[in-house]
């Protein structure tokens, strides 16, 4: 185990749960994270795994040899990890040993022209992918085979870039993406319906707080909150000290399996203005009320793209500029 030394940007991160929570929180004595990267110059992207609460010098690195394009997402459960890279002929890489090795998977024929961009899972046998042109894919056999469950109908053909399974009711899923596109499934991902867009802006971050409660962030730096499953939206107050331009690139709320509404939410803002004052925000009121700048990592040195939390007080934010080593910020 060592520091991350490759000249890459990290593109996504997940907390690998021991409590059947997929991308949700993973309480326990030692949190495990998996992150993925852009491809090194002339080489492959990497899968990184850290089983020591995200400590900077405890990353195991695995080159995804055979791939030459940048990864777009990673999700997992315990030792089962899936990496998404829709630009490749074999667009998925699956690990069943905690990132020590991977098997490349073909997906299905639709993925060649409508590549997947992001995914989520509740358990290794059931996974969902969303991607270009609004295509949605479902696997119920650990990723060995995939069916196209929506050919862009629910999103009106817009790209879908996020998908989340509701942890309290895994029959409910939400997906979102370009030009305000947002869709829902109420039968475990087999059928999808369009929802009312919060705006025409790109939805760049999505979190499902409860089966009827959704929080999204946009490329107009807005937070939109729905309490009725996406039928209507309430624009939240602006985050403090927002940049003049940028996107909310990640939302993550940590209350694994909670029936009552409680827990901590994080928001990550990438500043596209000349100031490049990227920021992380924390909200101790389950996404409502006051958001505060996270002082432990208030101004990031490299562009952030994703965040995952293992519990209320342990989160990692990742990013980079592609020319130095991938950036990992530890909040604890």
Protein backbone atom coordinates (compact mmCIF):
# COMPACT_ATOMS: atom_id res chain seq x y z
CA UNK A 1 0.00 0.00 0.00
CA UNK A 2 1.20 3.49 -0.80
CA UNK A 3 0.31 7.00 -1.79
CA UNK A 4 -1.36 7.63 -5.15
CA UNK A 5 1.58 8.49 -7.40
CA UNK A 6 0.22 8.29 -10.94
CA UNK A 7 -0.28 11.48 -12.96
CA UNK A 8 -4.06 11.18 -13.16
CA UNK A 9 -7.25 12.87 -12.06
CA UNK A 10 -9.60 10.84 -9.92
CA UNK A 11 -13.04 10.72 -11.54
CA UNK A 12 -15.28 8.98 -8.97
CA UNK A 13 -15.27 7.47 -5.50
CA UNK A 14 -17.52 5.15 -3.48
CA UNK A 15 -17.68 4.01 0.13
CA UNK A 16 -17.91 0.23 0.04
CA UNK A 17 -20.58 -0.72 2.54
CA UNK A 18 -20.67 -3.63 4.97
CA UNK A 19 -24.29 -2.87 5.80
CA UNK A 20 -26.13 -3.58 2.51
CA UNK A 21 -26.21 0.09 1.55
CA UNK A 22 -24.44 0.34 -1.79
CA UNK A 23 -23.43 3.97 -2.24
CA UNK A 24 -24.88 4.80 1.18
CA UNK A 25 -22.95 5.07 4.42
CA UNK A 26 -20.80 2.30 5.76
CA UNK A 27 -20.52 2.52 9.55
CA UNK A 28 -17.86 0.34 11.10
CA UNK A 29 -14.41 0.33 12.60
CA UNK A 30 -12.58 0.76 9.29
CA UNK A 31 -14.15 2.31 6.22
CA UNK A 32 -13.18 1.10 2.76
CA UNK A 33 -13.23 3.36 -0.29
CA UNK A 34 -12.73 2.67 -3.99
CA UNK A 35 -11.77 5.38 -6.49
CA UNK A 36 -11.09 5.42 -10.23
CA UNK A 37 -9.08 7.68 -12.48
CA UNK A 38 -8.39 9.09 -15.88
CA UNK A 39 -5.93 7.19 -18.04
CA UNK A 40 -2.26 7.97 -17.58
CA UNK A 41 -0.55 9.42 -20.63
CA UNK A 42 -0.16 6.58 -23.13
CA UNK A 43 -1.52 4.06 -20.66
CA UNK A 44 -4.46 2.83 -18.64
CA UNK A 45 -6.76 4.28 -16.00
CA UNK A 46 -6.50 2.99 -12.43
CA UNK A 47 -8.69 1.49 -9.75
CA UNK A 48 -7.63 2.42 -6.21
CA UNK A 49 -8.85 0.81 -2.98
CA UNK A 50 -8.28 2.05 0.57
CA UNK A 51 -9.38 -0.10 3.52
CA UNK A 52 -7.97 2.26 6.16
CA UNK A 53 -10.47 5.12 6.48
CA UNK A 54 -9.03 6.90 3.44
CA UNK A 55 -5.54 7.43 4.90
CA UNK A 56 -3.36 9.05 2.24
CA UNK A 57 -0.63 6.39 2.35
CA UNK A 58 -2.93 3.34 2.28
CA UNK A 59 -4.07 3.09 -1.35
CA UNK A 60 -3.75 -0.12 -3.37
CA UNK A 61 -3.47 0.66 -7.10
CA UNK A 62 -4.55 -1.59 -9.97
CA UNK A 63 -3.95 -0.56 -13.58
CA UNK A 64 -7.01 -1.36 -15.69
CA UNK A 65 -4.78 -2.66 -18.45
CA UNK A 66 -6.54 -2.90 -21.79
CA UNK A 67 -8.50 0.29 -21.26
CA UNK A 68 -7.13 3.58 -22.62
CA UNK A 69 -10.00 5.98 -21.90
CA UNK A 70 -11.05 7.78 -18.72
CA UNK A 71 -13.40 6.02 -16.33
CA UNK A 72 -16.67 7.74 -15.41
CA UNK A 73 -17.96 5.94 -12.29
CA UNK A 74 -17.34 3.29 -9.67
CA UNK A 75 -19.81 1.59 -7.35
CA UNK A 76 -19.67 -1.45 -5.13
CA UNK A 77 -20.60 -3.55 -2.15
CA UNK A 78 -17.98 -5.03 0.20
CA UNK A 79 -15.39 -6.76 -2.05
CA UNK A 80 -17.55 -6.43 -5.18
CA UNK A 81 -16.61 -3.37 -7.29
CA UNK A 82 -17.88 -2.27 -10.70
CA UNK A 83 -16.12 0.35 -12.82
CA UNK A 84 -17.82 2.13 -15.72
CA UNK A 85 -15.99 3.22 -18.86
CA UNK A 86 -18.46 3.60 -21.71
CA UNK A 87 -15.86 4.58 -24.31
CA UNK A 88 -14.33 1.11 -24.25
CA UNK A 89 -15.42 -1.91 -26.29
CA UNK A 90 -15.78 -3.75 -22.99
CA UNK A 91 -17.34 -0.92 -20.96
CA UNK A 92 -17.40 -2.51 -17.50
CA UNK A 93 -14.72 -3.87 -15.17
CA UNK A 94 -15.80 -6.10 -12.29
CA UNK A 95 -13.76 -7.02 -9.24
CA UNK A 96 -14.88 -9.66 -6.75
CA UNK A 97 -11.75 -9.54 -4.59
CA UNK A 98 -11.72 -5.96 -3.36
CA UNK A 99 -9.80 -4.50 -6.28
CA UNK A 100 -6.97 -7.00 -6.50
CA UNK A 101 -8.05 -8.06 -10.01
CA UNK A 102 -10.80 -7.30 -12.53
CA UNK A 103 -12.73 -9.00 -15.29
CA UNK A 104 -13.83 -6.87 -18.25
CA UNK A 105 -17.48 -7.25 -19.26
CA UNK A 106 -19.22 -6.63 -22.56
CA UNK A 107 -22.54 -5.28 -21.28
CA UNK A 108 -25.12 -5.53 -24.08
CA UNK A 109 -25.31 -4.48 -27.71
CA UNK A 110 -27.05 -1.16 -26.99
CA UNK A 111 -24.06 -0.02 -24.93
CA UNK A 112 -21.94 0.24 -28.08
CA UNK A 113 -24.03 3.18 -29.33
CA UNK A 114 -25.53 4.39 -26.04
CA UNK A 115 -22.65 3.90 -23.60
CA UNK A 116 -23.19 3.82 -19.84
CA UNK A 117 -21.92 6.74 -17.76
CA UNK A 118 -22.89 5.92 -14.16
CA UNK A 119 -24.31 3.16 -11.98
CA UNK A 120 -25.54 2.10 -8.58
CA UNK A 121 -26.28 -1.14 -6.77
CA UNK A 122 -27.95 -2.43 -3.67
CA UNK A 123 -26.36 -5.88 -3.70
CA UNK A 124 -23.93 -7.41 -6.21
CA UNK A 125 -26.66 -9.35 -8.01
CA UNK A 126 -28.73 -6.25 -8.84
CA UNK A 127 -27.20 -3.22 -10.54
CA UNK A 128 -28.44 -0.37 -12.70
CA UNK A 129 -26.57 1.74 -15.27
CA UNK A 130 -27.59 4.99 -16.98
CA UNK A 131 -25.96 6.67 -19.93
CA UNK A 132 -25.94 8.49 -23.21
CA UNK A 133 -29.27 9.39 -24.81
CA UNK A 134 -31.06 8.41 -21.61
CA UNK A 135 -30.56 4.66 -21.94
CA UNK A 136 -31.00 2.65 -18.74
CA UNK A 137 -29.70 -0.87 -18.19
CA UNK A 138 -30.41 -3.45 -15.48
CA UNK A 139 -28.53 -6.57 -14.40
CA UNK A 140 -29.74 -9.18 -11.92
CA UNK A 141 -26.83 -11.61 -12.27
CA UNK A 142 -23.78 -9.71 -10.96
CA UNK A 143 -23.26 -7.88 -14.26
CA UNK A 144 -22.89 -10.97 -16.45
CA UNK A 145 -25.84 -9.89 -18.60
CA UNK A 146 -27.76 -6.65 -19.03
CA UNK A 147 -31.18 -5.74 -20.34
CA UNK A 148 -32.13 -2.35 -21.75
CA UNK A 149 -35.08 -1.28 -19.61
CA UNK A 150 -35.50 2.23 -21.04
CA UNK A 151 -34.32 3.41 -24.46
CA UNK A 152 -34.30 7.10 -23.58
CA UNK A 153 -38.08 7.45 -23.33
CA UNK A 154 -38.24 8.55 -19.67
CA UNK A 155 -35.56 11.22 -20.20
CA UNK A 156 -36.69 12.39 -23.65
CA UNK A 157 -33.35 11.26 -25.03
CA UNK A 158 -31.23 13.43 -22.74
CA UNK A 159 -28.01 12.00 -21.30
CA UNK A 160 -28.38 10.55 -17.82
CA UNK A 161 -25.31 11.01 -15.64
CA UNK A 162 -26.46 9.98 -12.15
CA UNK A 163 -28.58 7.18 -10.71
CA UNK A 164 -29.43 6.40 -7.09
CA UNK A 165 -31.33 3.58 -5.42
CA UNK A 166 -33.41 4.57 -2.38
CA UNK A 167 -31.84 2.79 0.58
CA UNK A 168 -35.03 2.64 2.63
CA UNK A 169 -37.08 1.22 -0.27
CA UNK A 170 -34.92 -0.33 -3.02
CA UNK A 171 -37.93 -0.59 -5.33
CA UNK A 172 -37.56 3.19 -5.85
CA UNK A 173 -34.77 4.59 -8.03
CA UNK A 174 -34.06 8.01 -9.51
CA UNK A 175 -31.87 9.03 -12.45
CA UNK A 176 -30.97 12.51 -13.67
CA UNK A 177 -28.81 14.36 -16.15
CA UNK A 178 -28.69 16.90 -18.96
CA UNK A 179 -31.18 19.76 -19.39
CA UNK A 180 -33.02 18.98 -16.19
CA UNK A 181 -33.87 15.40 -17.17
CA UNK A 182 -35.03 13.32 -14.21
CA UNK A 183 -36.83 9.97 -14.12
CA UNK A 184 -37.99 7.47 -11.54
CA UNK A 185 -38.65 3.76 -11.22
CA UNK A 186 -41.04 2.31 -8.64
CA UNK A 187 -40.57 -1.38 -9.39
CA UNK A 188 -36.87 -1.96 -8.85
CA UNK A 189 -35.61 -0.47 -12.11
CA UNK A 190 -37.67 -2.45 -14.60
CA UNK A 191 -39.86 0.47 -15.77
CA UNK A 192 -39.17 4.22 -15.71
CA UNK A 193 -41.32 7.35 -15.88
CA UNK A 194 -40.36 11.00 -16.46
CA UNK A 195 -40.62 13.51 -13.62
CA UNK A 196 -41.06 17.28 -13.58
CA UNK A 197 -37.65 18.90 -14.25
CA UNK A 198 -36.55 21.32 -11.51
CA UNK A 199 -35.22 23.63 -14.27
CA UNK A 200 -33.67 23.41 -17.72
CA UNK A 201 -30.17 23.40 -16.25
CA UNK A 202 -28.05 20.26 -16.26
CA UNK A 203 -28.48 18.22 -13.10
CA UNK A 204 -24.92 17.53 -12.04
CA UNK A 205 -25.54 15.94 -8.62
CA UNK A 206 -28.31 13.74 -7.22
CA UNK A 207 -29.11 12.37 -3.78
CA UNK A 208 -32.16 10.39 -2.66
CA UNK A 209 -33.02 11.20 0.95
CA UNK A 210 -36.18 9.09 1.13
CA UNK A 211 -38.40 7.41 -1.43
CA UNK A 212 -40.26 10.69 -2.05
CA UNK A 213 -37.51 13.16 -1.08
CA UNK A 214 -34.82 14.14 -3.57
CA UNK A 215 -32.01 16.70 -3.55
CA UNK A 216 -30.33 17.77 -6.79
CA UNK A 217 -27.58 20.22 -7.70
CA UNK A 218 -27.16 21.92 -11.06
CA UNK A 219 -24.59 23.54 -13.31
CA UNK A 220 -26.21 26.87 -12.38
CA UNK A 221 -25.04 26.35 -8.77
CA UNK A 222 -28.60 25.77 -7.55
CA UNK A 223 -29.86 23.25 -5.00
CA UNK A 224 -33.38 21.99 -5.69
CA UNK A 225 -35.35 19.95 -3.14
CA UNK A 226 -38.46 17.82 -3.78
CA UNK A 227 -40.68 16.36 -1.07
CA UNK A 228 -43.15 14.66 -3.41
CA UNK A 229 -41.00 12.41 -5.54
CA UNK A 230 -40.10 14.99 -8.16
CA UNK A 231 -43.60 16.33 -8.88
CA UNK A 232 -42.64 19.79 -7.58
CA UNK A 233 -39.42 21.49 -6.50
CA UNK A 234 -38.29 24.05 -3.93
CA UNK A 235 -35.16 26.04 -4.69
CA UNK A 236 -32.98 26.19 -1.60
CA UNK A 237 -31.17 29.31 -0.51
CA UNK A 238 -27.84 29.84 -2.23
CA UNK A 239 -24.86 28.13 -0.64
CA UNK A 240 -22.63 30.63 1.18
CA UNK A 241 -19.71 32.23 -0.67
CA UNK A 242 -20.63 30.68 -4.00
CA UNK A 243 -18.30 31.29 -6.95
CA UNK A 244 -19.50 33.36 -9.89
CA UNK A 245 -19.57 30.31 -12.15
CA UNK A 246 -19.39 26.57 -11.67
CA UNK A 247 -21.40 23.47 -10.81
CA UNK A 248 -22.53 21.50 -7.81
CA UNK A 249 -20.73 18.30 -8.76
CA UNK A 250 -21.56 16.01 -5.83
CA UNK A 251 -24.18 15.53 -3.13
CA UNK A 252 -23.94 12.86 -0.46
CA UNK A 253 -26.14 12.37 2.59
CA UNK A 254 -25.16 9.97 5.31
CA UNK A 255 -27.85 8.19 7.31
CA UNK A 256 -27.56 4.58 6.29
CA UNK A 257 -30.85 2.77 6.58
CA UNK A 258 -32.43 5.56 8.62
CA UNK A 259 -36.22 5.57 8.67
CA UNK A 260 -36.41 8.94 10.36
CA UNK A 261 -34.90 11.92 8.59
CA UNK A 262 -31.58 12.66 10.19
CA UNK A 263 -27.92 12.78 9.29
CA UNK A 264 -25.28 14.88 7.59
CA UNK A 265 -25.21 15.95 3.93
CA UNK A 266 -22.22 17.15 1.93
CA UNK A 267 -22.17 19.26 -1.24
CA UNK A 268 -19.17 19.84 -3.49
CA UNK A 269 -18.84 22.89 -5.76
CA UNK A 270 -16.37 23.12 -8.63
CA UNK A 271 -15.57 26.75 -9.43
CA UNK A 272 -15.15 27.37 -13.17
CA UNK A 273 -14.30 31.07 -12.76
CA UNK A 274 -10.78 32.40 -12.77
CA UNK A 275 -10.68 32.24 -8.97
CA UNK A 276 -11.05 28.42 -9.00
CA UNK A 277 -12.22 28.57 -5.39
CA UNK A 278 -13.64 25.06 -5.19
CA UNK A 279 -15.61 24.39 -2.01
CA UNK A 280 -17.16 21.69 0.16
CA UNK A 281 -20.27 22.33 2.22
CA UNK A 282 -21.73 20.43 5.16
CA UNK A 283 -25.31 20.35 6.41
CA UNK A 284 -26.17 18.66 9.69
CA UNK A 285 -29.93 18.91 9.07
CA UNK A 286 -30.41 16.20 6.44
CA UNK A 287 -30.17 18.66 3.58
CA UNK A 288 -32.54 21.26 5.03
CA UNK A 289 -31.61 24.44 6.84
CA UNK A 290 -28.14 25.89 7.00
CA UNK A 291 -25.28 24.77 4.78
CA UNK A 292 -21.84 25.70 6.06
CA UNK A 293 -18.45 25.74 4.37
CA UNK A 294 -16.50 22.68 5.49
CA UNK A 295 -13.54 24.31 7.21
CA UNK A 296 -11.47 21.13 7.19
CA UNK A 297 -11.17 21.44 3.41
CA UNK A 298 -12.58 24.88 2.62
CA UNK A 299 -10.57 25.65 -0.51
CA UNK A 300 -9.36 22.76 -2.65
CA UNK A 301 -6.14 22.92 -4.66
CA UNK A 302 -7.47 20.81 -7.55
CA UNK A 303 -10.83 20.53 -9.27
CA UNK A 304 -13.18 18.24 -7.32
CA UNK A 305 -15.57 15.85 -9.08
CA UNK A 306 -17.04 13.48 -6.49
CA UNK A 307 -17.44 12.77 -2.78
CA UNK A 308 -18.29 9.71 -0.69
CA UNK A 309 -18.87 9.45 3.04
CA UNK A 310 -18.39 6.41 5.24
CA UNK A 311 -20.27 7.99 8.12
CA UNK A 312 -21.32 11.45 9.29
CA UNK A 313 -17.78 12.55 10.12
CA UNK A 314 -15.67 10.72 7.55
CA UNK A 315 -15.77 11.70 3.88
CA UNK A 316 -13.39 11.78 0.93
CA UNK A 317 -13.51 14.21 -1.99
CA UNK A 318 -11.59 13.41 -5.18
CA UNK A 319 -10.49 15.23 -8.30
CA UNK A 320 -7.30 16.52 -9.86
CA UNK A 321 -5.90 18.39 -12.82
CA UNK A 322 -4.56 15.42 -14.77
CA UNK A 323 -0.94 16.55 -14.66
CA UNK A 324 -0.06 15.72 -11.07
CA UNK A 325 -1.19 12.90 -8.79
CA UNK A 326 -4.91 12.47 -8.24
CA UNK A 327 -6.28 14.65 -5.45
CA UNK A 328 -7.92 13.11 -2.39
CA UNK A 329 -9.24 15.37 0.37
CA UNK A 330 -10.01 13.71 3.71
CA UNK A 331 -12.73 15.20 5.94
CA UNK A 332 -12.87 13.77 9.44
